[in-house]
PDB file of all heavy atoms in Angstrom:
ATOM      1  N   LEU A   1      -2.253 -13.514  -3.957  1.00  0.00           N
ATOM      2  CA  LEU A   1      -1.114 -13.239  -4.834  1.00  0.00           C
ATOM      3  C   LEU A   1      -1.151 -14.128  -6.090  1.00  0.00           C
ATOM      4  O   LEU A   1      -0.966 -13.650  -7.212  1.00  0.00           O
ATOM      5  CB  LEU A   1       0.199 -13.436  -4.064  1.00  0.00           C
ATOM      6  CG  LEU A   1       1.496 -13.279  -4.858  1.00  0.00           C
ATOM      7  CD1 LEU A   1       1.571 -11.926  -5.564  1.00  0.00           C
ATOM      8  CD2 LEU A   1       2.706 -13.460  -3.948  1.00  0.00           C
ATOM      9  N   LEU A   2      -1.418 -15.407  -5.904  1.00  0.00           N
ATOM     10  CA  LEU A   2      -1.442 -16.335  -7.041  1.00  0.00           C
ATOM     11  C   LEU A   2      -2.560 -15.997  -8.021  1.00  0.00           C
ATOM     12  O   LEU A   2      -2.458 -16.284  -9.216  1.00  0.00           O
ATOM     13  CB  LEU A   2      -1.591 -17.781  -6.551  1.00  0.00           C
ATOM     14  CG  LEU A   2      -0.386 -18.351  -5.789  1.00  0.00           C
ATOM     15  CD1 LEU A   2      -0.747 -19.691  -5.156  1.00  0.00           C
ATOM     16  CD2 LEU A   2       0.831 -18.506  -6.699  1.00  0.00           C
ATOM     17  N   ASN A   3      -3.623 -15.384  -7.524  1.00  0.00           N
ATOM     18  CA  ASN A   3      -4.759 -15.014  -8.383  1.00  0.00           C
ATOM     19  C   ASN A   3      -4.678 -13.571  -8.879  1.00  0.00           C
ATOM     20  O   ASN A   3      -5.624 -13.067  -9.490  1.00  0.00           O
ATOM     21  CB  ASN A   3      -6.082 -15.224  -7.632  1.00  0.00           C
ATOM     22  CG  ASN A   3      -6.372 -16.700  -7.423  1.00  0.00           C
ATOM     23  OD1 ASN A   3      -6.095 -17.523  -8.285  1.00  0.00           O
ATOM     24  ND2 ASN A   3      -6.896 -17.045  -6.252  1.00  0.00           N
ATOM     25  N   LYS A   4      -3.567 -12.925  -8.627  1.00  0.00           N
ATOM     26  CA  LYS A   4      -3.393 -11.529  -9.053  1.00  0.00           C
ATOM     27  C   LYS A   4      -3.493 -11.418 -10.576  1.00  0.00           C
ATOM     28  O   LYS A   4      -2.837 -12.183 -11.287  1.00  0.00           O
ATOM     29  CB  LYS A   4      -2.024 -11.033  -8.590  1.00  0.00           C
ATOM     30  CG  LYS A   4      -1.675  -9.626  -9.029  1.00  0.00           C
ATOM     31  CD  LYS A   4      -0.220  -9.297  -8.676  1.00  0.00           C
ATOM     32  CE  LYS A   4       0.151  -7.882  -9.104  1.00  0.00           C
ATOM     33  NZ  LYS A   4       0.145  -7.701 -10.567  1.00  0.00           N
ATOM     34  N   PRO A   5      -4.287 -10.487 -11.084  1.00  0.00           N
ATOM     35  CA  PRO A   5      -4.337 -10.296 -12.541  1.00  0.00           C
ATOM     36  C   PRO A   5      -2.959  -9.885 -13.067  1.00  0.00           C
ATOM     37  O   PRO A   5      -2.228  -9.147 -12.401  1.00  0.00           O
ATOM     38  CB  PRO A   5      -5.343  -9.142 -12.710  1.00  0.00           C
ATOM     39  CG  PRO A   5      -6.111  -9.093 -11.434  1.00  0.00           C
ATOM     40  CD  PRO A   5      -5.179  -9.580 -10.368  1.00  0.00           C
ATOM     41  N   ASN A   6      -2.608 -10.394 -14.231  1.00  0.00           N
ATOM     42  CA  ASN A   6      -1.323 -10.058 -14.875  1.00  0.00           C
ATOM     43  C   ASN A   6      -0.099 -10.432 -14.037  1.00  0.00           C
ATOM     44  O   ASN A   6       0.918  -9.729 -14.071  1.00  0.00           O
ATOM     45  CB  ASN A   6      -1.259  -8.562 -15.236  1.00  0.00           C
ATOM     46  CG  ASN A   6      -2.448  -8.122 -16.071  1.00  0.00           C
ATOM     47  OD1 ASN A   6      -2.840  -8.813 -17.004  1.00  0.00           O
ATOM     48  ND2 ASN A   6      -3.056  -6.994 -15.716  1.00  0.00           N
ATOM     49  N   LEU A   7      -0.209 -11.519 -13.292  1.00  0.00           N
ATOM     50  CA  LEU A   7       0.950 -12.012 -12.537  1.00  0.00           C
ATOM     51  C   LEU A   7       2.017 -12.438 -13.541  1.00  0.00           C
ATOM     52  O   LEU A   7       1.755 -13.256 -14.429  1.00  0.00           O
ATOM     53  CB  LEU A   7       0.516 -13.211 -11.672  1.00  0.00           C
ATOM     54  CG  LEU A   7       1.544 -13.773 -10.698  1.00  0.00           C
ATOM     55  CD1 LEU A   7       1.753 -12.830  -9.522  1.00  0.00           C
ATOM     56  CD2 LEU A   7       1.092 -15.133 -10.173  1.00  0.00           C
ATOM     57  N   ARG A   8       3.216 -11.882 -13.410  1.00  0.00           N
ATOM     58  CA  ARG A   8       4.284 -12.229 -14.354  1.00  0.00           C
ATOM     59  C   ARG A   8       5.145 -13.387 -13.850  1.00  0.00           C
ATOM     60  O   ARG A   8       5.584 -14.225 -14.601  1.00  0.00           O
ATOM     61  CB  ARG A   8       5.179 -11.005 -14.613  1.00  0.00           C
ATOM     62  CG  ARG A   8       4.517  -9.953 -15.496  1.00  0.00           C
ATOM     63  CD  ARG A   8       5.420  -8.728 -15.640  1.00  0.00           C
ATOM     64  NE  ARG A   8       5.451  -7.931 -14.413  1.00  0.00           N
ATOM     65  CZ  ARG A   8       6.353  -6.977 -14.167  1.00  0.00           C
ATOM     66  NH1 ARG A   8       7.319  -6.721 -15.041  1.00  0.00           N
ATOM     67  NH2 ARG A   8       6.305  -6.279 -13.037  1.00  0.00           N
ATOM     68  N   PHE A   9       5.423 -13.382 -12.539  1.00  0.00           N
ATOM     69  CA  PHE A   9       6.239 -14.449 -11.953  1.00  0.00           C
ATOM     70  C   PHE A   9       5.565 -14.946 -10.679  1.00  0.00           C
ATOM     71  O   PHE A   9       5.208 -14.151  -9.816  1.00  0.00           O
ATOM     72  CB  PHE A   9       7.656 -13.942 -11.637  1.00  0.00           C
ATOM     73  CG  PHE A   9       8.415 -13.496 -12.854  1.00  0.00           C
ATOM     74  CD1 PHE A   9       8.533 -12.136 -13.153  1.00  0.00           C
ATOM     75  CD2 PHE A   9       8.982 -14.417 -13.723  1.00  0.00           C
ATOM     76  CE1 PHE A   9       9.212 -11.706 -14.284  1.00  0.00           C
ATOM     77  CE2 PHE A   9       9.665 -14.001 -14.857  1.00  0.00           C
ATOM     78  CZ  PHE A   9       9.785 -12.644 -15.141  1.00  0.00           C
ATOM     79  N   LYS A  10       5.438 -16.263 -10.581  1.00  0.00           N
ATOM     80  CA  LYS A  10       4.854 -16.877  -9.384  1.00  0.00           C
ATOM     81  C   LYS A  10       5.885 -16.906  -8.266  1.00  0.00           C
ATOM     82  O   LYS A  10       7.078 -17.046  -8.530  1.00  0.00           O
ATOM     83  CB  LYS A  10       4.466 -18.331  -9.696  1.00  0.00           C
ATOM     84  CG  LYS A  10       3.050 -18.520 -10.181  1.00  0.00           C
ATOM     85  CD  LYS A  10       2.735 -20.000 -10.379  1.00  0.00           C
ATOM     86  CE  LYS A  10       2.664 -20.770  -9.074  1.00  0.00           C
ATOM     87  NZ  LYS A  10       2.166 -22.146  -9.227  1.00  0.00           N
ATOM     88  N   PRO A  11       5.424 -16.827  -7.025  1.00  0.00           N
ATOM     89  CA  PRO A  11       6.358 -17.056  -5.916  1.00  0.00           C
ATOM     90  C   PRO A  11       6.799 -18.517  -5.944  1.00  0.00           C
ATOM     91  O   PRO A  11       5.962 -19.407  -6.089  1.00  0.00           O
ATOM     92  CB  PRO A  11       5.518 -16.757  -4.670  1.00  0.00           C
ATOM     93  CG  PRO A  11       4.094 -16.951  -5.100  1.00  0.00           C
ATOM     94  CD  PRO A  11       4.040 -16.597  -6.559  1.00  0.00           C
ATOM     95  N   ILE A  12       8.118 -18.754  -5.843  1.00  0.00           N
ATOM     96  CA  ILE A  12       8.559 -20.156  -5.915  1.00  0.00           C
ATOM     97  C   ILE A  12       8.563 -20.826  -4.541  1.00  0.00           C
ATOM     98  O   ILE A  12       8.596 -22.047  -4.451  1.00  0.00           O
ATOM     99  CB  ILE A  12       9.932 -20.329  -6.614  1.00  0.00           C
ATOM    100  CG1 ILE A  12      11.083 -19.776  -5.782  1.00  0.00           C
ATOM    101  CG2 ILE A  12       9.912 -19.711  -8.002  1.00  0.00           C
ATOM    102  CD1 ILE A  12      12.445 -20.291  -6.240  1.00  0.00           C
ATOM    103  N   THR A  13       8.511 -20.024  -3.482  1.00  0.00           N
ATOM    104  CA  THR A  13       8.457 -20.628  -2.145  1.00  0.00           C
ATOM    105  C   THR A  13       7.716 -19.699  -1.194  1.00  0.00           C
ATOM    106  O   THR A  13       7.603 -18.502  -1.446  1.00  0.00           O
ATOM    107  CB  THR A  13       9.877 -20.924  -1.597  1.00  0.00           C
ATOM    108  OG1 THR A  13       9.814 -21.928  -0.573  1.00  0.00           O
ATOM    109  CG2 THR A  13      10.559 -19.697  -1.018  1.00  0.00           C
ATOM    110  N   ASN A  14       7.204 -20.289  -0.108  1.00  0.00           N
ATOM    111  CA  ASN A  14       6.690 -19.530   1.034  1.00  0.00           C
ATOM    112  C   ASN A  14       7.518 -19.985   2.223  1.00  0.00           C
ATOM    113  O   ASN A  14       7.459 -21.151   2.613  1.00  0.00           O
ATOM    114  CB  ASN A  14       5.201 -19.827   1.261  1.00  0.00           C
ATOM    115  CG  ASN A  14       4.572 -18.965   2.360  1.00  0.00           C
ATOM    116  OD1 ASN A  14       5.155 -17.989   2.812  1.00  0.00           O
ATOM    117  ND2 ASN A  14       3.371 -19.348   2.796  1.00  0.00           N
ATOM    118  N   GLN A  15       8.328 -19.082   2.754  1.00  0.00           N
ATOM    119  CA  GLN A  15       9.186 -19.435   3.888  1.00  0.00           C
ATOM    120  C   GLN A  15       8.428 -19.147   5.185  1.00  0.00           C
ATOM    121  O   GLN A  15       8.045 -18.008   5.453  1.00  0.00           O
ATOM    122  CB  GLN A  15      10.494 -18.637   3.850  1.00  0.00           C
ATOM    123  CG  GLN A  15      11.447 -19.090   4.952  1.00  0.00           C
ATOM    124  CD  GLN A  15      12.769 -18.343   4.980  1.00  0.00           C
ATOM    125  OE1 GLN A  15      13.136 -17.756   6.008  1.00  0.00           O
ATOM    126  NE2 GLN A  15      13.500 -18.359   3.881  1.00  0.00           N
ATOM    127  N   ILE A  16       8.205 -20.206   5.964  1.00  0.00           N
ATOM    128  CA  ILE A  16       7.368 -20.096   7.165  1.00  0.00           C
ATOM    129  C   ILE A  16       8.032 -20.796   8.351  1.00  0.00           C
ATOM    130  O   ILE A  16       8.875 -21.683   8.168  1.00  0.00           O
ATOM    131  CB  ILE A  16       5.976 -20.734   6.918  1.00  0.00           C
ATOM    132  CG1 ILE A  16       6.119 -22.208   6.492  1.00  0.00           C
ATOM    133  CG2 ILE A  16       5.199 -19.922   5.888  1.00  0.00           C
ATOM    134  CD1 ILE A  16       4.799 -22.968   6.352  1.00  0.00           C
ATOM    135  N   GLU A  17       7.632 -20.397   9.539  1.00  0.00           N
ATOM    136  CA  GLU A  17       8.085 -21.123  10.728  1.00  0.00           C
ATOM    137  C   GLU A  17       7.457 -22.513  10.711  1.00  0.00           C
ATOM    138  O   GLU A  17       6.252 -22.659  10.503  1.00  0.00           O
ATOM    139  CB  GLU A  17       7.656 -20.384  11.997  1.00  0.00           C
ATOM    140  CG  GLU A  17       8.080 -21.127  13.259  1.00  0.00           C
ATOM    141  CD  GLU A  17       7.590 -20.480  14.547  1.00  0.00           C
ATOM    142  OE1 GLU A  17       7.212 -19.283  14.523  1.00  0.00           O
ATOM    143  OE2 GLU A  17       7.573 -21.188  15.575  1.00  0.00           O
ATOM    144  N   CYS A  18       8.274 -23.535  10.922  1.00  0.00           N
ATOM    145  CA  CYS A  18       7.725 -24.894  10.920  1.00  0.00           C
ATOM    146  C   CYS A  18       8.641 -25.842  11.680  1.00  0.00           C
ATOM    147  O   CYS A  18       9.852 -25.865  11.463  1.00  0.00           O
ATOM    148  CB  CYS A  18       7.551 -25.383   9.473  1.00  0.00           C
ATOM    149  SG  CYS A  18       6.675 -26.949   9.376  1.00  0.00           S
ATOM    150  N   HIS A  19       8.038 -26.614  12.574  1.00  0.00           N
ATOM    151  CA  HIS A  19       8.730 -27.617  13.401  1.00  0.00           C
ATOM    152  C   HIS A  19       7.633 -28.503  13.999  1.00  0.00           C
ATOM    153  O   HIS A  19       6.439 -28.185  13.848  1.00  0.00           O
ATOM    154  CB  HIS A  19       9.559 -26.922  14.498  1.00  0.00           C
ATOM    155  CG  HIS A  19       8.849 -25.796  15.173  1.00  0.00           C
ATOM    156  ND1 HIS A  19       7.874 -26.001  16.132  1.00  0.00           N
ATOM    157  CD2 HIS A  19       8.911 -24.452  14.987  1.00  0.00           C
ATOM    158  CE1 HIS A  19       7.394 -24.831  16.527  1.00  0.00           C
ATOM    159  NE2 HIS A  19       7.998 -23.869  15.840  1.00  0.00           N
ATOM    160  N   PRO A  20       7.972 -29.590  14.686  1.00  0.00           N
ATOM    161  CA  PRO A  20       6.917 -30.490  15.178  1.00  0.00           C
ATOM    162  C   PRO A  20       5.904 -29.871  16.145  1.00  0.00           C
ATOM    163  O   PRO A  20       4.810 -30.401  16.282  1.00  0.00           O
ATOM    164  CB  PRO A  20       7.706 -31.620  15.843  1.00  0.00           C
ATOM    165  CG  PRO A  20       8.951 -31.692  15.025  1.00  0.00           C
ATOM    166  CD  PRO A  20       9.298 -30.242  14.762  1.00  0.00           C
ATOM    167  N   TYR A  21       6.239 -28.769  16.805  1.00  0.00           N
ATOM    168  CA  TYR A  21       5.245 -28.107  17.658  1.00  0.00           C
ATOM    169  C   TYR A  21       4.357 -27.146  16.844  1.00  0.00           C
ATOM    170  O   TYR A  21       3.388 -26.604  17.360  1.00  0.00           O
ATOM    171  CB  TYR A  21       5.923 -27.334  18.791  1.00  0.00           C
ATOM    172  CG  TYR A  21       6.526 -28.218  19.886  1.00  0.00           C
ATOM    173  CD1 TYR A  21       7.403 -27.676  20.830  1.00  0.00           C
ATOM    174  CD2 TYR A  21       6.225 -29.582  19.981  1.00  0.00           C
ATOM    175  CE1 TYR A  21       7.957 -28.464  21.837  1.00  0.00           C
ATOM    176  CE2 TYR A  21       6.775 -30.379  20.980  1.00  0.00           C
ATOM    177  CZ  TYR A  21       7.644 -29.823  21.904  1.00  0.00           C
ATOM    178  OH  TYR A  21       8.200 -30.605  22.898  1.00  0.00           O
ATOM    179  N   LEU A  22       4.735 -26.920  15.581  1.00  0.00           N
ATOM    180  CA  LEU A  22       3.940 -26.095  14.650  1.00  0.00           C
ATOM    181  C   LEU A  22       4.086 -26.756  13.272  1.00  0.00           C
ATOM    182  O   LEU A  22       4.875 -26.337  12.447  1.00  0.00           O
ATOM    183  CB  LEU A  22       4.463 -24.649  14.618  1.00  0.00           C
ATOM    184  CG  LEU A  22       3.702 -23.660  13.717  1.00  0.00           C
ATOM    185  CD1 LEU A  22       2.320 -23.332  14.281  1.00  0.00           C
ATOM    186  CD2 LEU A  22       4.512 -22.373  13.527  1.00  0.00           C
ATOM    187  N   THR A  23       3.324 -27.836  13.081  1.00  0.00           N
ATOM    188  CA  THR A  23       3.561 -28.676  11.891  1.00  0.00           C
ATOM    189  C   THR A  23       3.085 -28.043  10.587  1.00  0.00           C
ATOM    190  O   THR A  23       3.562 -28.423   9.515  1.00  0.00           O
ATOM    191  CB  THR A  23       2.888 -30.051  12.049  1.00  0.00           C
ATOM    192  OG1 THR A  23       1.511 -29.852  12.409  1.00  0.00           O
ATOM    193  CG2 THR A  23       3.576 -30.878  13.113  1.00  0.00           C
ATOM    194  N   GLN A  24       2.153 -27.083  10.659  1.00  0.00           N
ATOM    195  CA  GLN A  24       1.716 -26.334   9.473  1.00  0.00           C
ATOM    196  C   GLN A  24       1.149 -27.244   8.373  1.00  0.00           C
ATOM    197  O   GLN A  24       1.302 -26.967   7.182  1.00  0.00           O
ATOM    198  CB  GLN A  24       2.906 -25.531   8.891  1.00  0.00           C
ATOM    199  CG  GLN A  24       3.495 -24.489   9.810  1.00  0.00           C
ATOM    200  CD  GLN A  24       2.807 -23.140   9.707  1.00  0.00           C
ATOM    201  OE1 GLN A  24       1.631 -23.057   9.368  1.00  0.00           O
ATOM    202  NE2 GLN A  24       3.527 -22.080  10.027  1.00  0.00           N
ATOM    203  N   LYS A  25       0.503 -28.318   8.783  1.00  0.00           N
ATOM    204  CA  LYS A  25       0.023 -29.300   7.810  1.00  0.00           C
ATOM    205  C   LYS A  25      -0.881 -28.676   6.737  1.00  0.00           C
ATOM    206  O   LYS A  25      -0.716 -28.936   5.541  1.00  0.00           O
ATOM    207  CB  LYS A  25      -0.744 -30.400   8.566  1.00  0.00           C
ATOM    208  CG  LYS A  25      -0.877 -31.680   7.783  1.00  0.00           C
ATOM    209  CD  LYS A  25      -1.419 -32.818   8.648  1.00  0.00           C
ATOM    210  CE  LYS A  25      -1.851 -33.964   7.740  1.00  0.00           C
ATOM    211  NZ  LYS A  25      -2.910 -34.767   8.321  1.00  0.00           N
ATOM    212  N   GLU A  26      -1.812 -27.836   7.156  1.00  0.00           N
ATOM    213  CA  GLU A  26      -2.772 -27.257   6.207  1.00  0.00           C
ATOM    214  C   GLU A  26      -2.090 -26.275   5.257  1.00  0.00           C
ATOM    215  O   GLU A  26      -2.343 -26.286   4.050  1.00  0.00           O
ATOM    216  CB  GLU A  26      -3.909 -26.542   6.959  1.00  0.00           C
ATOM    217  CG  GLU A  26      -4.766 -27.477   7.812  1.00  0.00           C
ATOM    218  CD  GLU A  26      -4.174 -27.745   9.193  1.00  0.00           C
ATOM    219  OE1 GLU A  26      -3.092 -27.191   9.519  1.00  0.00           O
ATOM    220  OE2 GLU A  26      -4.789 -28.510   9.961  1.00  0.00           O
ATOM    221  N   LEU A  27      -1.243 -25.426   5.807  1.00  0.00           N
ATOM    222  CA  LEU A  27      -0.577 -24.427   4.968  1.00  0.00           C
ATOM    223  C   LEU A  27       0.393 -25.093   3.985  1.00  0.00           C
ATOM    224  O   LEU A  27       0.452 -24.713   2.811  1.00  0.00           O
ATOM    225  CB  LEU A  27       0.140 -23.382   5.833  1.00  0.00           C
ATOM    226  CG  LEU A  27       0.790 -22.214   5.088  1.00  0.00           C
ATOM    227  CD1 LEU A  27      -0.191 -21.506   4.161  1.00  0.00           C
ATOM    228  CD2 LEU A  27       1.387 -21.212   6.082  1.00  0.00           C
ATOM    229  N   ILE A  28       1.131 -26.101   4.445  1.00  0.00           N
ATOM    230  CA  ILE A  28       2.042 -26.827   3.548  1.00  0.00           C
ATOM    231  C   ILE A  28       1.236 -27.506   2.441  1.00  0.00           C
ATOM    232  O   ILE A  28       1.604 -27.438   1.262  1.00  0.00           O
ATOM    233  CB  ILE A  28       2.894 -27.856   4.330  1.00  0.00           C
ATOM    234  CG1 ILE A  28       3.899 -27.136   5.232  1.00  0.00           C
ATOM    235  CG2 ILE A  28       3.629 -28.809   3.363  1.00  0.00           C
ATOM    236  CD1 ILE A  28       4.643 -28.040   6.198  1.00  0.00           C
ATOM    237  N   GLY A  29       0.129 -28.134   2.820  1.00  0.00           N
ATOM    238  CA  GLY A  29      -0.732 -28.778   1.825  1.00  0.00           C
ATOM    239  C   GLY A  29      -1.232 -27.787   0.789  1.00  0.00           C
ATOM    240  O   GLY A  29      -1.228 -28.066  -0.419  1.00  0.00           O
ATOM    241  N   PHE A  30      -1.629 -26.599   1.268  1.00  0.00           N
ATOM    242  CA  PHE A  30      -2.117 -25.571   0.349  1.00  0.00           C
ATOM    243  C   PHE A  30      -1.011 -25.124  -0.605  1.00  0.00           C
ATOM    244  O   PHE A  30      -1.212 -25.070  -1.826  1.00  0.00           O
ATOM    245  CB  PHE A  30      -2.647 -24.364   1.133  1.00  0.00           C
ATOM    246  CG  PHE A  30      -3.130 -23.255   0.239  1.00  0.00           C
ATOM    247  CD1 PHE A  30      -4.398 -23.297  -0.322  1.00  0.00           C
ATOM    248  CD2 PHE A  30      -2.299 -22.181  -0.063  1.00  0.00           C
ATOM    249  CE1 PHE A  30      -4.838 -22.288  -1.172  1.00  0.00           C
ATOM    250  CE2 PHE A  30      -2.732 -21.170  -0.910  1.00  0.00           C
ATOM    251  CZ  PHE A  30      -4.005 -21.224  -1.463  1.00  0.00           C
ATOM    252  N   CYS A  31       0.161 -24.802  -0.058  1.00  0.00           N
ATOM    253  CA  CYS A  31       1.277 -24.330  -0.894  1.00  0.00           C
ATOM    254  C   CYS A  31       1.650 -25.369  -1.947  1.00  0.00           C
ATOM    255  O   CYS A  31       1.757 -25.057  -3.133  1.00  0.00           O
ATOM    256  CB  CYS A  31       2.501 -24.024  -0.032  1.00  0.00           C
ATOM    257  SG  CYS A  31       2.304 -22.606   1.072  1.00  0.00           S
ATOM    258  N   GLN A  32       1.849 -26.602  -1.493  1.00  0.00           N
ATOM    259  CA  GLN A  32       2.303 -27.641  -2.410  1.00  0.00           C
ATOM    260  C   GLN A  32       1.253 -27.952  -3.476  1.00  0.00           C
ATOM    261  O   GLN A  32       1.600 -28.244  -4.618  1.00  0.00           O
ATOM    262  CB  GLN A  32       2.735 -28.885  -1.632  1.00  0.00           C
ATOM    263  CG  GLN A  32       3.997 -28.610  -0.796  1.00  0.00           C
ATOM    264  CD  GLN A  32       4.462 -29.797   0.040  1.00  0.00           C
ATOM    265  OE1 GLN A  32       3.705 -30.747   0.288  1.00  0.00           O
ATOM    266  NE2 GLN A  32       5.698 -29.750   0.508  1.00  0.00           N
ATOM    267  N   SER A  33      -0.030 -27.824  -3.126  1.00  0.00           N
ATOM    268  CA  SER A  33      -1.087 -28.067  -4.115  1.00  0.00           C
ATOM    269  C   SER A  33      -1.099 -26.978  -5.192  1.00  0.00           C
ATOM    270  O   SER A  33      -1.608 -27.179  -6.293  1.00  0.00           O
ATOM    271  CB  SER A  33      -2.466 -28.124  -3.444  1.00  0.00           C
ATOM    272  OG  SER A  33      -2.903 -26.827  -3.077  1.00  0.00           O
ATOM    273  N   ARG A  34      -0.516 -25.830  -4.869  1.00  0.00           N
ATOM    274  CA  ARG A  34      -0.438 -24.719  -5.835  1.00  0.00           C
ATOM    275  C   ARG A  34       0.967 -24.597  -6.437  1.00  0.00           C
ATOM    276  O   ARG A  34       1.325 -23.553  -6.986  1.00  0.00           O
ATOM    277  CB  ARG A  34      -0.820 -23.398  -5.138  1.00  0.00           C
ATOM    278  CG  ARG A  34      -2.198 -23.403  -4.467  1.00  0.00           C
ATOM    279  CD  ARG A  34      -3.365 -23.519  -5.430  1.00  0.00           C
ATOM    280  NE  ARG A  34      -3.491 -22.355  -6.285  1.00  0.00           N
ATOM    281  CZ  ARG A  34      -4.234 -21.284  -6.013  1.00  0.00           C
ATOM    282  NH1 ARG A  34      -4.935 -21.210  -4.895  1.00  0.00           N
ATOM    283  NH2 ARG A  34      -4.295 -20.274  -6.860  1.00  0.00           N
ATOM    284  N   GLN A  35       1.758 -25.645  -6.299  1.00  0.00           N
ATOM    285  CA  GLN A  35       3.128 -25.682  -6.846  1.00  0.00           C
ATOM    286  C   GLN A  35       4.033 -24.577  -6.280  1.00  0.00           C
ATOM    287  O   GLN A  35       4.901 -24.042  -6.974  1.00  0.00           O
ATOM    288  CB  GLN A  35       3.121 -25.605  -8.394  1.00  0.00           C
ATOM    289  CG  GLN A  35       2.786 -26.922  -9.090  1.00  0.00           C
ATOM    290  CD  GLN A  35       1.331 -27.313  -8.901  1.00  0.00           C
ATOM    291  OE1 GLN A  35       0.416 -26.573  -9.282  1.00  0.00           O
ATOM    292  NE2 GLN A  35       1.092 -28.462  -8.280  1.00  0.00           N
ATOM    293  N   VAL A  36       3.802 -24.241  -5.030  1.00  0.00           N
ATOM    294  CA  VAL A  36       4.688 -23.310  -4.323  1.00  0.00           C
ATOM    295  C   VAL A  36       5.412 -24.143  -3.269  1.00  0.00           C
ATOM    296  O   VAL A  36       4.760 -24.796  -2.441  1.00  0.00           O
ATOM    297  CB  VAL A  36       3.881 -22.169  -3.648  1.00  0.00           C
ATOM    298  CG1 VAL A  36       4.810 -21.259  -2.836  1.00  0.00           C
ATOM    299  CG2 VAL A  36       3.111 -21.365  -4.695  1.00  0.00           C
ATOM    300  N   SER A  37       6.739 -24.163  -3.314  1.00  0.00           N
ATOM    301  CA  SER A  37       7.476 -24.954  -2.327  1.00  0.00           C
ATOM    302  C   SER A  37       7.378 -24.284  -0.954  1.00  0.00           C
ATOM    303  O   SER A  37       6.997 -23.113  -0.837  1.00  0.00           O
ATOM    304  CB  SER A  37       8.939 -25.112  -2.743  1.00  0.00           C
ATOM    305  OG  SER A  37       9.627 -23.882  -2.612  1.00  0.00           O
ATOM    306  N   VAL A  38       7.723 -25.043   0.073  1.00  0.00           N
ATOM    307  CA  VAL A  38       7.726 -24.509   1.438  1.00  0.00           C
ATOM    308  C   VAL A  38       9.140 -24.612   1.990  1.00  0.00           C
ATOM    309  O   VAL A  38       9.805 -25.644   1.852  1.00  0.00           O
ATOM    310  CB  VAL A  38       6.742 -25.284   2.348  1.00  0.00           C
ATOM    311  CG1 VAL A  38       6.856 -24.797   3.796  1.00  0.00           C
ATOM    312  CG2 VAL A  38       5.315 -25.118   1.840  1.00  0.00           C
ATOM    313  N   THR A  39       9.594 -23.519   2.588  1.00  0.00           N
ATOM    314  CA  THR A  39      10.880 -23.497   3.275  1.00  0.00           C
ATOM    315  C   THR A  39      10.589 -23.274   4.754  1.00  0.00           C
ATOM    316  O   THR A  39       9.844 -22.347   5.110  1.00  0.00           O
ATOM    317  CB  THR A  39      11.777 -22.365   2.737  1.00  0.00           C
ATOM    318  OG1 THR A  39      11.958 -22.539   1.329  1.00  0.00           O
ATOM    319  CG2 THR A  39      13.144 -22.372   3.426  1.00  0.00           C
ATOM    320  N   ALA A  40      11.153 -24.137   5.606  1.00  0.00           N
ATOM    321  CA  ALA A  40      10.902 -24.046   7.048  1.00  0.00           C
ATOM    322  C   ALA A  40      12.013 -23.282   7.741  1.00  0.00           C
ATOM    323  O   ALA A  40      13.181 -23.700   7.712  1.00  0.00           O
ATOM    324  CB  ALA A  40      10.806 -25.451   7.648  1.00  0.00           C
ATOM    325  N   TYR A  41      11.644 -22.158   8.376  1.00  0.00           N
ATOM    326  CA  TYR A  41      12.620 -21.516   9.268  1.00  0.00           C
ATOM    327  C   TYR A  41      12.325 -21.971  10.689  1.00  0.00           C
ATOM    328  O   TYR A  41      11.248 -22.468  10.993  1.00  0.00           O
ATOM    329  CB  TYR A  41      12.643 -19.995   9.097  1.00  0.00           C
ATOM    330  CG  TYR A  41      11.477 -19.162   9.599  1.00  0.00           C
ATOM    331  CD1 TYR A  41      11.303 -18.873  10.955  1.00  0.00           C
ATOM    332  CD2 TYR A  41      10.583 -18.580   8.691  1.00  0.00           C
ATOM    333  CE1 TYR A  41      10.262 -18.053  11.386  1.00  0.00           C
ATOM    334  CE2 TYR A  41       9.541 -17.755   9.117  1.00  0.00           C
ATOM    335  CZ  TYR A  41       9.384 -17.499  10.473  1.00  0.00           C
ATOM    336  OH  TYR A  41       8.356 -16.688  10.906  1.00  0.00           O
TER     337      TYR A  41
END
């Protein structure tokens, strides 16, 4: 999505399941490195 040609608006967040039994370290690192915030459900 971020590499989509002619992207007009970036996603500002990726809302994902996240808690200590599913820490999502890699995905959070990826999102934040691309300036996409993470919201934990």
